[in-house]
């Protein structure tokens, strides 16, 4: 049951749904009935929101040892004789003859192939994943909007405004536990279109002391998405004494963009939101073989297509595998033939823990994953459908299950001043914050089309499996994220246990 500050904050959220909906009209109610008496906890003042609703591996690898040539030395007896040096060029690389035939390979595919050919050997899955997603010229996230119905996948903030509002309730509760500081860095890692943050700001607009304290910092590497976030947050540039600053007109909050968390100014209490960010961080994959754990790599086949191989020699990333195995029990290790490790996830968690330890505050991590070793989860999605991971690199999203146990161990090892809470399911997290009350309030003031959209969005956020109330096309049946997604919090110990992890 919702208690304390979370309940008070939720009661003040306005019962209005924004925009149109999707799907046909229906008068069927939610599958989870909510007592009408709870509706009295909401006020009638309105707010609005603009948001609407893995080939077999084989051992391979090429090792070509270069022999150092020894130049002749000049003796005293040969001082007056002309010096003759012979250079053996037989081992030099001879490029193929230039062809004027057109190539169907994309620039990213050409780039990946050139890396493998230059090294005369395969690259790790992590390097492949990083190039595919964030290559500065051709990365999947860099030059286009990949979110929503017209993109490649849909995230929770795009499903319903209620997701951002509930995250806002969590942030305000944490701010209260921090003693309501006058200045707070609100950081979102990988903000997508900015929808979550926009809904958070709209939902908290009536809490002037909270929004006045915020300095928004967005960690985003895509110039295209930065522009979309600028518009979603209704930003404007203002002239100030020391130059120019960007302000979100949703609540007059200053906004800054950064390429990494390290660039976000320190010294102020910090609230960090990482929603579906860890799943896109590059992972290393390992497979148990007769000679022990071998790293899975990406190489070129004889026909110049990409293929998976096993490294014939130990790789540097085995140090991270050793670290991860050290956190697991022998029983857990005996059950798996594959292990995925995310070094960048470990490093990011350490940065978050250090920041929260020194500045105060907390971090909320919501993503799909499991609370233990992740085996073989890497997937590719293009236009809402699963495709092969090596098919047309750069045209599909790559993501993997998040290892929440690894996050917990990384944070606790980084600092003694932080505590880690969870994970709990997304359904438990949103339900404890009051999403049931919120959806009932919104249903009192919306059209039939909006009501259908609310019911669908609600199920996608908290349901498990296919929605039982759906009457539309079978291929469009809403699938619940409620148990597949997990929530975890990292906070400074001085602030106590965060809502709703009590």
Protein backbone atom coordinates (compact mmCIF):
# COMPACT_ATOMS: atom_id res chain seq x y z
CA UNK A 1 0.00 0.00 0.00
CA UNK A 2 1.21 3.46 -0.83
CA UNK A 3 2.19 5.41 2.27
CA UNK A 4 3.81 8.63 3.43
CA UNK A 5 5.21 11.15 0.94
CA UNK A 6 4.44 9.03 -2.11
CA UNK A 7 0.74 8.98 -1.26
CA UNK A 8 0.65 12.73 -0.68
CA UNK A 9 2.41 13.44 -3.96
CA UNK A 10 0.17 11.09 -5.91
CA UNK A 11 -3.00 12.66 -4.54
CA UNK A 12 -1.93 15.99 -6.03
CA UNK A 13 -1.39 14.62 -9.54
CA UNK A 14 -4.22 15.84 -11.76
CA UNK A 15 -6.72 13.35 -13.25
CA UNK A 16 -6.36 14.28 -16.89
CA UNK A 17 -5.10 12.19 -19.78
CA UNK A 18 -3.41 13.87 -22.72
CA UNK A 19 -3.81 13.54 -26.45
CA UNK A 20 -5.67 10.90 -28.39
CA UNK A 21 -5.49 7.16 -27.96
CA UNK A 22 -5.09 4.07 -30.04
CA UNK A 23 -7.35 1.11 -30.71
CA UNK A 24 -11.12 0.86 -30.89
CA UNK A 25 -13.55 2.14 -28.34
CA UNK A 26 -14.71 -0.18 -25.59
CA UNK A 27 -16.57 0.07 -22.34
CA UNK A 28 -14.79 -2.87 -20.71
CA UNK A 29 -13.04 -1.99 -17.46
CA UNK A 30 -9.53 -2.82 -16.31
CA UNK A 31 -8.75 -6.44 -15.46
CA UNK A 32 -7.71 -5.31 -11.97
CA UNK A 33 -10.65 -3.58 -10.22
CA UNK A 34 -9.86 -0.64 -7.97
CA UNK A 35 -12.09 0.51 -5.15
CA UNK A 36 -13.95 3.71 -6.05
CA UNK A 37 -13.30 5.11 -2.57
CA UNK A 38 -9.62 5.44 -3.46
CA UNK A 39 -10.45 7.96 -6.17
CA UNK A 40 -11.15 10.57 -3.53
CA UNK A 41 -7.42 10.79 -2.99
CA UNK A 42 -7.04 12.76 -6.20
CA UNK A 43 -7.71 16.45 -6.78
CA UNK A 44 -9.52 17.83 -9.78
CA UNK A 45 -6.95 20.38 -10.98
CA UNK A 46 -5.76 19.36 -14.46
CA UNK A 47 -2.34 18.80 -15.94
CA UNK A 48 -1.63 17.77 -19.49
CA UNK A 49 0.97 15.63 -21.20
CA UNK A 50 2.02 15.34 -24.81
CA UNK A 51 2.99 11.67 -24.63
CA UNK A 52 0.77 9.01 -26.14
CA UNK A 53 0.15 6.30 -25.44
CA UNK A 54 20.06 -15.23 -32.04
CA UNK A 55 24.64 -19.50 -35.88
CA UNK A 56 26.79 -22.05 -34.36
CA UNK A 57 30.32 -21.12 -33.28
CA UNK A 58 33.54 -22.74 -34.46
CA UNK A 59 37.15 -22.27 -33.45
CA UNK A 60 38.91 -19.82 -35.68
CA UNK A 61 41.49 -17.06 -35.71
CA UNK A 62 44.53 -16.04 -37.69
CA UNK A 63 47.91 -15.44 -36.12
CA UNK A 64 50.67 -14.14 -38.35
CA UNK A 65 53.89 -13.45 -36.46
CA UNK A 66 55.90 -10.64 -37.97
CA UNK A 67 59.68 -11.20 -37.92
CA UNK A 68 61.82 -8.17 -37.13
CA UNK A 69 64.48 -7.51 -39.76
CA UNK A 70 68.00 -6.81 -38.50
CA UNK A 71 69.81 -3.97 -40.26
CA UNK A 72 73.55 -4.62 -41.00
CA UNK A 73 76.09 -2.85 -38.84
CA UNK A 74 79.07 -0.90 -40.22
CA UNK A 75 82.55 -2.10 -39.01
CA UNK A 76 85.76 0.03 -38.97
CA UNK A 77 87.30 -1.97 -41.84
CA UNK A 78 84.35 -1.14 -44.03
CA UNK A 79 84.36 2.57 -43.25
CA UNK A 80 85.35 3.59 -46.77
CA UNK A 81 83.25 1.07 -48.63
CA UNK A 82 79.80 1.92 -49.96
CA UNK A 83 76.97 0.55 -47.81
CA UNK A 84 74.42 -1.67 -49.49
CA UNK A 85 71.14 -2.48 -47.75
CA UNK A 86 68.71 -5.08 -49.01
CA UNK A 87 65.07 -4.94 -47.87
CA UNK A 88 62.88 -8.03 -48.00
CA UNK A 89 59.36 -6.91 -49.04
CA UNK A 90 57.87 -10.37 -49.41
CA UNK A 91 55.98 -10.14 -46.15
CA UNK A 92 54.32 -6.81 -46.88
CA UNK A 93 50.57 -6.67 -47.39
CA UNK A 94 49.58 -6.56 -51.04
CA UNK A 95 46.12 -5.05 -51.43
CA UNK A 96 43.80 -6.49 -54.07
CA UNK A 97 43.42 -4.68 -57.37
CA UNK A 98 40.99 -1.79 -57.22
CA UNK A 99 37.56 -2.66 -58.52
CA UNK A 100 35.07 -0.24 -60.06
CA UNK A 101 32.19 -2.66 -59.49
CA UNK A 102 29.56 -1.17 -57.14
CA UNK A 103 29.39 -2.62 -53.64
CA UNK A 104 26.11 -3.25 -51.83
CA UNK A 105 27.79 -2.99 -48.43
CA UNK A 106 26.84 -0.03 -46.26
CA UNK A 107 29.55 2.29 -44.93
CA UNK A 108 29.28 0.66 -41.50
CA UNK A 109 29.66 -2.85 -42.96
CA UNK A 110 32.72 -1.70 -44.93
CA UNK A 111 34.12 -0.19 -41.72
CA UNK A 112 33.60 -3.38 -39.72
CA UNK A 113 35.17 -5.52 -42.44
CA UNK A 114 38.16 -3.20 -42.65
CA UNK A 115 38.77 -3.53 -38.90
CA UNK A 116 38.73 -7.33 -39.07
CA UNK A 117 40.99 -7.40 -42.16
CA UNK A 118 43.43 -4.88 -40.66
CA UNK A 119 43.78 -6.94 -37.49
CA UNK A 120 43.93 -10.21 -39.43
CA UNK A 121 41.52 -11.66 -36.92
CA UNK A 122 38.07 -11.40 -35.37
CA UNK A 123 36.70 -8.70 -33.10
CA UNK A 124 34.78 -9.17 -29.88
CA UNK A 125 31.00 -9.09 -29.74
CA UNK A 126 31.34 -6.01 -27.54
CA UNK A 127 33.31 -4.10 -30.17
CA UNK A 128 30.88 -5.19 -32.87
CA UNK A 129 27.95 -4.05 -30.74
CA UNK A 130 29.52 -0.69 -29.92
CA UNK A 131 30.28 0.08 -33.59
CA UNK A 132 26.80 -0.98 -34.70
CA UNK A 133 25.02 1.18 -32.14
CA UNK A 134 27.18 4.27 -31.66
CA UNK A 135 29.59 4.59 -34.58
CA UNK A 136 29.84 8.39 -35.01
CA UNK A 137 28.94 8.27 -38.70
CA UNK A 138 26.66 5.26 -39.16
CA UNK A 139 25.62 3.97 -35.72
CA UNK A 140 22.04 2.80 -35.24
CA UNK A 141 21.26 5.48 -32.65
CA UNK A 142 23.19 8.35 -34.18
CA UNK A 143 21.31 9.74 -37.16
CA UNK A 144 17.64 8.80 -36.74
CA UNK A 145 14.69 8.42 -34.42
CA UNK A 146 14.36 4.70 -33.64
CA UNK A 147 11.54 4.88 -31.10
CA UNK A 148 7.78 4.48 -31.39
CA UNK A 149 5.39 2.81 -33.82
CA UNK A 150 7.20 4.25 -36.84
CA UNK A 151 10.61 3.27 -35.43
CA UNK A 152 12.05 -0.09 -34.40
CA UNK A 153 10.78 -0.54 -30.84
CA UNK A 154 8.61 1.05 -28.16
CA UNK A 155 9.70 1.86 -24.61
CA UNK A 156 7.56 2.33 -21.51
CA UNK A 157 7.43 6.15 -21.63
CA UNK A 158 6.04 5.91 -25.18
CA UNK A 159 3.37 3.48 -23.97
CA UNK A 160 1.76 5.78 -21.41
CA UNK A 161 2.28 9.10 -19.66
CA UNK A 162 1.76 7.24 -16.36
CA UNK A 163 5.26 5.73 -16.49
CA UNK A 164 7.01 9.10 -16.41
CA UNK A 165 4.59 10.35 -13.77
CA UNK A 166 5.36 7.41 -11.45
CA UNK A 167 9.12 7.90 -11.93
CA UNK A 168 8.47 11.54 -11.01
CA UNK A 169 6.76 10.45 -7.78
CA UNK A 170 9.85 8.35 -6.98
CA UNK A 171 12.19 11.28 -7.68
CA UNK A 172 10.20 13.69 -5.52
CA UNK A 173 10.09 11.20 -2.65
CA UNK A 174 13.87 10.80 -2.87
CA UNK A 175 14.26 14.59 -2.90
CA UNK A 176 12.25 14.76 0.32
CA UNK A 177 14.39 12.04 1.90
CA UNK A 178 17.45 14.10 0.90
CA UNK A 179 16.10 17.00 2.96
CA UNK A 180 14.66 18.97 0.03
CA UNK A 181 17.97 20.52 -1.14
CA UNK A 182 17.74 23.81 -3.03
CA UNK A 183 19.80 22.48 -5.95
CA UNK A 184 19.68 19.00 -7.46
CA UNK A 185 21.19 17.52 -10.61
CA UNK A 186 18.50 15.44 -12.33
CA UNK A 187 20.37 13.16 -14.76
CA UNK A 188 18.81 10.86 -17.34
CA UNK A 189 21.03 8.39 -19.17
CA UNK A 190 19.91 7.79 -22.75
CA UNK A 191 16.71 9.87 -22.69
CA UNK A 192 15.33 8.64 -26.02
CA UNK A 193 12.86 11.22 -27.24
CA UNK A 194 12.74 12.91 -23.84
CA UNK A 195 9.23 11.60 -23.22
CA UNK A 196 9.86 10.21 -19.74
CA UNK A 197 11.38 13.45 -18.55
CA UNK A 198 8.64 15.56 -20.11
CA UNK A 199 5.95 13.56 -18.32
CA UNK A 200 7.95 13.73 -15.08
CA UNK A 201 8.16 17.53 -15.31
CA UNK A 202 4.50 17.97 -16.19
CA UNK A 203 3.41 15.70 -13.38
CA UNK A 204 5.54 17.56 -10.84
CA UNK A 205 4.83 21.08 -12.13
CA UNK A 206 2.63 21.88 -9.12
CA UNK A 207 5.50 21.13 -6.72
CA UNK A 208 7.33 24.39 -7.30
CA UNK A 209 10.07 23.87 -4.73
CA UNK A 210 11.03 20.58 -6.38
CA UNK A 211 11.08 21.79 -9.98
CA UNK A 212 12.82 25.03 -8.97
CA UNK A 213 15.68 22.98 -7.47
CA UNK A 214 16.29 20.96 -10.64
CA UNK A 215 19.16 21.23 -13.08
CA UNK A 216 18.47 18.77 -15.90
CA UNK A 217 21.43 16.92 -17.41
CA UNK A 218 20.85 14.59 -20.37
CA UNK A 219 23.55 12.05 -21.27
CA UNK A 220 23.03 11.55 -25.00
CA UNK A 221 25.50 10.80 -27.84
CA UNK A 222 23.08 11.17 -30.76
CA UNK A 223 22.79 14.65 -32.30
CA UNK A 224 19.48 13.63 -33.87
CA UNK A 225 17.97 12.56 -30.56
CA UNK A 226 19.33 15.66 -28.84
CA UNK A 227 17.27 17.80 -31.22
CA UNK A 228 14.17 15.71 -30.57
CA UNK A 229 14.70 15.99 -26.81
CA UNK A 230 15.08 19.75 -27.17
CA UNK A 231 11.66 19.95 -28.81
CA UNK A 232 9.95 17.45 -26.51
CA UNK A 233 11.04 19.41 -23.45
CA UNK A 234 9.94 22.62 -25.16
CA UNK A 235 13.38 24.15 -24.73
CA UNK A 236 14.38 27.69 -25.54
CA UNK A 237 17.78 29.39 -25.48
CA UNK A 238 18.19 32.40 -23.22
CA UNK A 239 20.94 34.98 -22.96
CA UNK A 240 22.55 35.24 -19.53
CA UNK A 241 25.51 37.18 -18.14
CA UNK A 242 28.04 34.46 -18.93
CA UNK A 243 26.63 33.55 -22.34
CA UNK A 244 23.66 31.37 -23.23
CA UNK A 245 21.66 28.72 -21.45
CA UNK A 246 18.87 26.35 -22.46
CA UNK A 247 15.68 26.23 -20.43
CA UNK A 248 12.72 23.85 -20.56
CA UNK A 249 9.55 25.92 -20.66
CA UNK A 250 7.62 23.03 -19.12
CA UNK A 251 8.70 24.35 -15.72
CA UNK A 252 11.54 26.85 -16.29
CA UNK A 253 14.27 24.28 -15.61
CA UNK A 254 17.78 24.65 -17.14
CA UNK A 255 18.82 21.80 -19.45
CA UNK A 256 22.31 20.64 -20.52
CA UNK A 257 23.52 17.79 -22.74
CA UNK A 258 26.61 15.64 -22.10
CA UNK A 259 28.37 12.77 -23.86
CA UNK A 260 28.95 10.83 -20.63
CA UNK A 261 28.08 10.83 -16.94
CA UNK A 262 31.62 11.98 -16.14
CA UNK A 263 30.88 15.30 -17.85
CA UNK A 264 27.91 16.08 -15.60
CA UNK A 265 29.00 18.69 -13.02
CA UNK A 266 29.52 17.29 -9.54
CA UNK A 267 29.09 18.91 -6.15
CA UNK A 268 25.30 18.88 -5.92
CA UNK A 269 22.95 16.09 -4.81
CA UNK A 270 22.15 13.93 -7.81
CA UNK A 271 19.13 11.93 -8.94
CA UNK A 272 20.01 9.56 -11.81
CA UNK A 273 17.47 7.80 -14.00
CA UNK A 274 18.64 4.95 -16.24
CA UNK A 275 15.66 3.48 -18.08
CA UNK A 276 16.52 0.95 -20.81
CA UNK A 277 20.10 2.22 -20.89
CA UNK A 278 22.12 -0.70 -19.51
CA UNK A 279 20.63 -3.14 -22.05
CA UNK A 280 22.35 -1.29 -24.92
CA UNK A 281 25.82 -1.30 -23.34
CA UNK A 282 28.25 -3.61 -25.20
CA UNK A 283 28.65 -7.11 -23.80
CA UNK A 284 31.30 -9.82 -24.10
CA UNK A 285 30.01 -13.34 -24.71
CA UNK A 286 31.77 -16.47 -23.47
CA UNK A 287 31.09 -20.10 -24.29
CA UNK A 288 32.21 -23.18 -22.39
CA UNK A 289 34.41 -25.38 -24.60
CA UNK A 290 36.64 -28.44 -24.10
CA UNK A 291 39.61 -26.14 -23.36
CA UNK A 292 37.63 -23.96 -20.95
CA UNK A 293 35.80 -20.66 -21.34
CA UNK A 294 36.39 -19.11 -24.78
CA UNK A 295 35.25 -15.70 -25.95
CA UNK A 296 32.77 -15.56 -28.79
CA UNK A 297 33.98 -13.29 -31.62
CA UNK A 298 32.82 -11.86 -34.93
CA UNK A 299 34.87 -12.78 -38.00
CA UNK A 300 34.60 -12.86 -41.78
CA UNK A 301 33.78 -16.05 -43.66
CA UNK A 302 35.35 -16.94 -47.03
CA UNK A 303 32.45 -15.28 -48.82
CA UNK A 304 33.08 -12.07 -46.84
CA UNK A 305 29.94 -12.43 -44.74
CA UNK A 306 30.01 -12.05 -40.97
CA UNK A 307 30.09 -15.15 -38.77
CA UNK A 308 30.58 -16.08 -35.11
CA UNK A 309 33.76 -17.91 -34.07
CA UNK A 310 35.45 -18.85 -30.81
CA UNK A 311 38.77 -17.23 -29.99
CA UNK A 312 41.56 -19.85 -30.07
CA UNK A 313 43.55 -17.91 -27.46
CA UNK A 314 42.72 -16.21 -24.14
CA UNK A 315 41.47 -12.64 -24.50
CA UNK A 316 41.94 -9.63 -22.24
CA UNK A 317 38.26 -9.56 -21.32
CA UNK A 318 38.62 -12.86 -19.47
CA UNK A 319 39.49 -10.73 -16.47
CA UNK A 320 35.88 -9.51 -16.38
CA UNK A 321 34.58 -13.06 -16.76
CA UNK A 322 36.71 -14.08 -13.79
CA UNK A 323 35.31 -11.18 -11.77
CA UNK A 324 31.73 -12.05 -12.63
CA UNK A 325 32.24 -15.74 -11.82
CA UNK A 326 33.64 -14.70 -8.46
CA UNK A 327 30.25 -13.20 -7.62
CA UNK A 328 28.38 -16.40 -8.53
CA UNK A 329 27.91 -19.63 -6.66
CA UNK A 330 29.33 -22.91 -7.97
CA UNK A 331 25.77 -24.18 -8.41
CA UNK A 332 24.90 -21.22 -10.63
CA UNK A 333 28.02 -21.67 -12.76
CA UNK A 334 27.41 -25.37 -13.27
CA UNK A 335 24.06 -24.66 -14.93
CA UNK A 336 25.33 -22.37 -17.70
CA UNK A 337 27.18 -23.04 -20.96
CA UNK A 338 27.24 -19.37 -21.97
CA UNK A 339 27.91 -16.20 -19.94
CA UNK A 340 27.48 -12.57 -20.92
CA UNK A 341 29.56 -9.92 -19.15
CA UNK A 342 29.18 -6.16 -19.49
CA UNK A 343 32.39 -4.34 -18.42
CA UNK A 344 30.96 -0.95 -19.34
CA UNK A 345 27.97 -1.66 -17.14
CA UNK A 346 30.31 -2.43 -14.26
CA UNK A 347 32.28 0.77 -14.87
CA UNK A 348 29.15 2.90 -15.16
CA UNK A 349 27.79 1.48 -11.91
CA UNK A 350 31.04 2.32 -10.16
CA UNK A 351 30.77 5.90 -11.43
CA UNK A 352 27.19 6.15 -10.20
CA UNK A 353 28.13 4.77 -6.78
CA UNK A 354 31.07 7.18 -6.47
CA UNK A 355 28.89 10.13 -7.45
CA UNK A 356 26.12 9.27 -5.00
CA UNK A 357 28.65 8.55 -2.26
CA UNK A 358 30.29 11.97 -2.58
CA UNK A 359 27.34 14.18 -3.56
CA UNK A 360 24.34 12.39 -2.10
CA UNK A 361 21.21 11.35 -3.92
CA UNK A 362 20.30 8.15 -5.69
CA UNK A 363 19.86 6.29 -8.95
CA UNK A 364 16.90 4.39 -10.36
CA UNK A 365 17.66 1.62 -12.88
CA UNK A 366 14.77 0.05 -14.80
CA UNK A 367 15.45 -2.47 -17.55
CA UNK A 368 14.65 -5.96 -18.74
CA UNK A 369 16.97 -8.57 -17.25
CA UNK A 370 17.46 -10.99 -14.38
CA UNK A 371 18.94 -11.03 -10.91
CA UNK A 372 21.79 -13.39 -11.77
CA UNK A 373 24.12 -14.61 -14.54
CA UNK A 374 22.83 -13.84 -18.02
CA UNK A 375 23.51 -16.65 -20.45
CA UNK A 376 22.78 -16.00 -24.15
CA UNK A 377 20.38 -13.08 -24.52
CA UNK A 378 21.80 -10.80 -27.22
CA UNK A 379 19.08 -9.92 -29.72
CA UNK A 380 18.47 -7.68 -32.72
CA UNK A 381 15.19 -5.89 -33.45
CA UNK A 382 14.27 -4.12 -36.67
CA UNK A 383 10.84 -2.58 -37.21
CA UNK A 384 9.45 -4.38 -34.15
CA UNK A 385 10.61 -7.81 -35.36
CA UNK A 386 13.54 -10.00 -34.30
CA UNK A 387 16.26 -10.44 -36.92
CA UNK A 388 19.68 -12.13 -36.99
CA UNK A 389 22.33 -10.28 -35.00
CA UNK A 390 24.78 -10.19 -37.94
CA UNK A 391 22.17 -9.23 -40.54
CA UNK A 392 22.83 -5.80 -42.08
CA UNK A 393 24.69 -4.22 -39.13
CA UNK A 394 23.45 -0.75 -38.22
CA UNK A 395 19.89 -1.32 -39.40
CA UNK A 396 18.65 -3.02 -36.21
CA UNK A 397 18.85 -2.38 -32.49
CA UNK A 398 21.11 -4.67 -30.47
CA UNK A 399 20.41 -5.25 -26.81
CA UNK A 400 20.95 -7.85 -24.09
CA UNK A 401 19.44 -8.76 -20.75
CA UNK A 402 20.77 -6.71 -17.84
CA UNK A 403 22.61 -8.58 -15.09
CA UNK A 404 21.20 -6.86 -11.99
CA UNK A 405 23.32 -9.00 -9.65
CA UNK A 406 26.41 -7.62 -11.39
CA UNK A 407 25.14 -4.08 -10.89
CA UNK A 408 24.59 -4.71 -7.19
CA UNK A 409 28.08 -6.19 -6.64
CA UNK A 410 29.77 -3.43 -8.68
CA UNK A 411 28.04 -0.71 -6.65
CA UNK A 412 28.74 -2.24 -3.26
CA UNK A 413 32.41 -2.82 -4.10
CA UNK A 414 32.78 0.78 -5.29
CA UNK A 415 31.67 2.49 -2.08
CA UNK A 416 30.79 1.72 1.53
CA UNK A 417 28.57 4.80 1.69
CA UNK A 418 25.82 3.54 -0.61
CA UNK A 419 23.10 0.93 -0.31
CA UNK A 420 21.43 -1.09 -3.07
CA UNK A 421 17.75 -1.97 -3.05
CA UNK A 422 15.94 -4.46 -5.26
CA UNK A 423 15.49 -5.53 -7.87
CA UNK A 424 11.73 -5.76 -7.83
CA UNK A 425 9.49 -6.23 -10.83
CA UNK A 426 8.26 -3.21 -12.75
CA UNK A 427 4.72 -4.21 -11.81
CA UNK A 428 5.58 -4.10 -8.11
CA UNK A 429 7.45 -0.82 -8.50
CA UNK A 430 4.71 1.03 -10.37
CA UNK A 431 1.94 -0.54 -8.30
CA UNK A 432 3.53 0.52 -5.02
CA UNK A 433 3.88 4.07 -6.30
CA UNK A 434 0.17 4.22 -7.10
CA UNK A 435 -0.30 3.61 -10.80
CA UNK A 436 -3.61 1.86 -10.07
CA UNK A 437 -4.98 5.00 -8.47
CA UNK A 438 -3.62 7.13 -11.28
CA UNK A 439 -5.24 5.15 -14.09
CA UNK A 440 -8.62 5.21 -12.35
CA UNK A 441 -8.42 8.98 -11.98
CA UNK A 442 -7.50 9.42 -15.63
CA UNK A 443 -10.38 7.21 -16.76
CA UNK A 444 -12.83 9.63 -15.19
CA UNK A 445 -11.93 12.41 -17.58
CA UNK A 446 -11.25 10.99 -21.06
CA UNK A 447 -12.89 9.89 -24.27
CA UNK A 448 -13.62 6.25 -25.14
CA UNK A 449 -10.60 6.26 -27.47
CA UNK A 450 -8.38 7.58 -24.70
CA UNK A 451 -9.83 5.04 -22.27
CA UNK A 452 -8.89 2.19 -24.60
CA UNK A 453 -5.38 3.61 -24.89
CA UNK A 454 -5.14 3.87 -21.09
CA UNK A 455 -6.23 0.26 -20.58
CA UNK A 456 -3.75 -0.96 -23.18
CA UNK A 457 -0.92 1.16 -21.76
CA UNK A 458 -1.67 0.06 -18.23
CA UNK A 459 -1.46 -3.62 -19.19
CA UNK A 460 1.78 -3.14 -21.11
CA UNK A 461 3.36 -1.49 -18.08
CA UNK A 462 2.23 -3.82 -15.29
CA UNK A 463 0.71 -6.92 -16.94
CA UNK A 464 2.25 -10.33 -17.51
CA UNK A 465 1.86 -11.91 -20.95
CA UNK A 466 -1.01 -11.20 -23.32
CA UNK A 467 -3.79 -8.87 -22.24
CA UNK A 468 -6.99 -10.86 -21.46
CA UNK A 469 -9.33 -7.98 -22.34
CA UNK A 470 -8.03 -7.36 -25.89
CA UNK A 471 -10.63 -7.53 -28.67
CA UNK A 472 -8.55 -6.23 -31.56
CA UNK A 473 -6.28 -8.01 -34.08
CA UNK A 474 -4.33 -10.90 -32.58
CA UNK A 475 -1.01 -9.66 -33.96
CA UNK A 476 -1.54 -6.43 -32.01
CA UNK A 477 -2.39 -7.98 -28.63
CA UNK A 478 -0.68 -5.95 -25.87
CA UNK A 479 2.12 -7.87 -24.13
CA UNK A 480 2.82 -6.95 -20.52
CA UNK A 481 6.27 -5.84 -19.37
CA UNK A 482 5.37 -6.10 -15.70
CA UNK A 483 7.55 -9.08 -14.75
CA UNK A 484 10.15 -8.97 -17.54
CA UNK A 485 11.37 -5.55 -16.46
CA UNK A 486 13.06 -5.01 -13.09
CA UNK A 487 13.72 -1.92 -10.97
CA UNK A 488 16.70 -1.30 -8.71
CA UNK A 489 17.79 1.71 -6.64
CA UNK A 490 21.24 2.82 -5.48
CA UNK A 491 21.18 5.52 -2.79
CA UNK A 492 23.37 7.22 -0.24
CA UNK A 493 23.05 5.39 3.08
CA UNK A 494 22.34 8.62 4.96
CA UNK A 495 18.99 8.94 3.23
CA UNK A 496 17.57 5.62 4.37
CA UNK A 497 15.57 3.18 2.25
CA UNK A 498 13.96 4.74 -0.82
CA UNK A 499 10.31 4.45 -1.77
CA UNK A 500 8.95 1.85 -2.56
CA UNK A 501 11.75 -0.55 -1.55
CA UNK A 502 10.88 -0.56 2.16
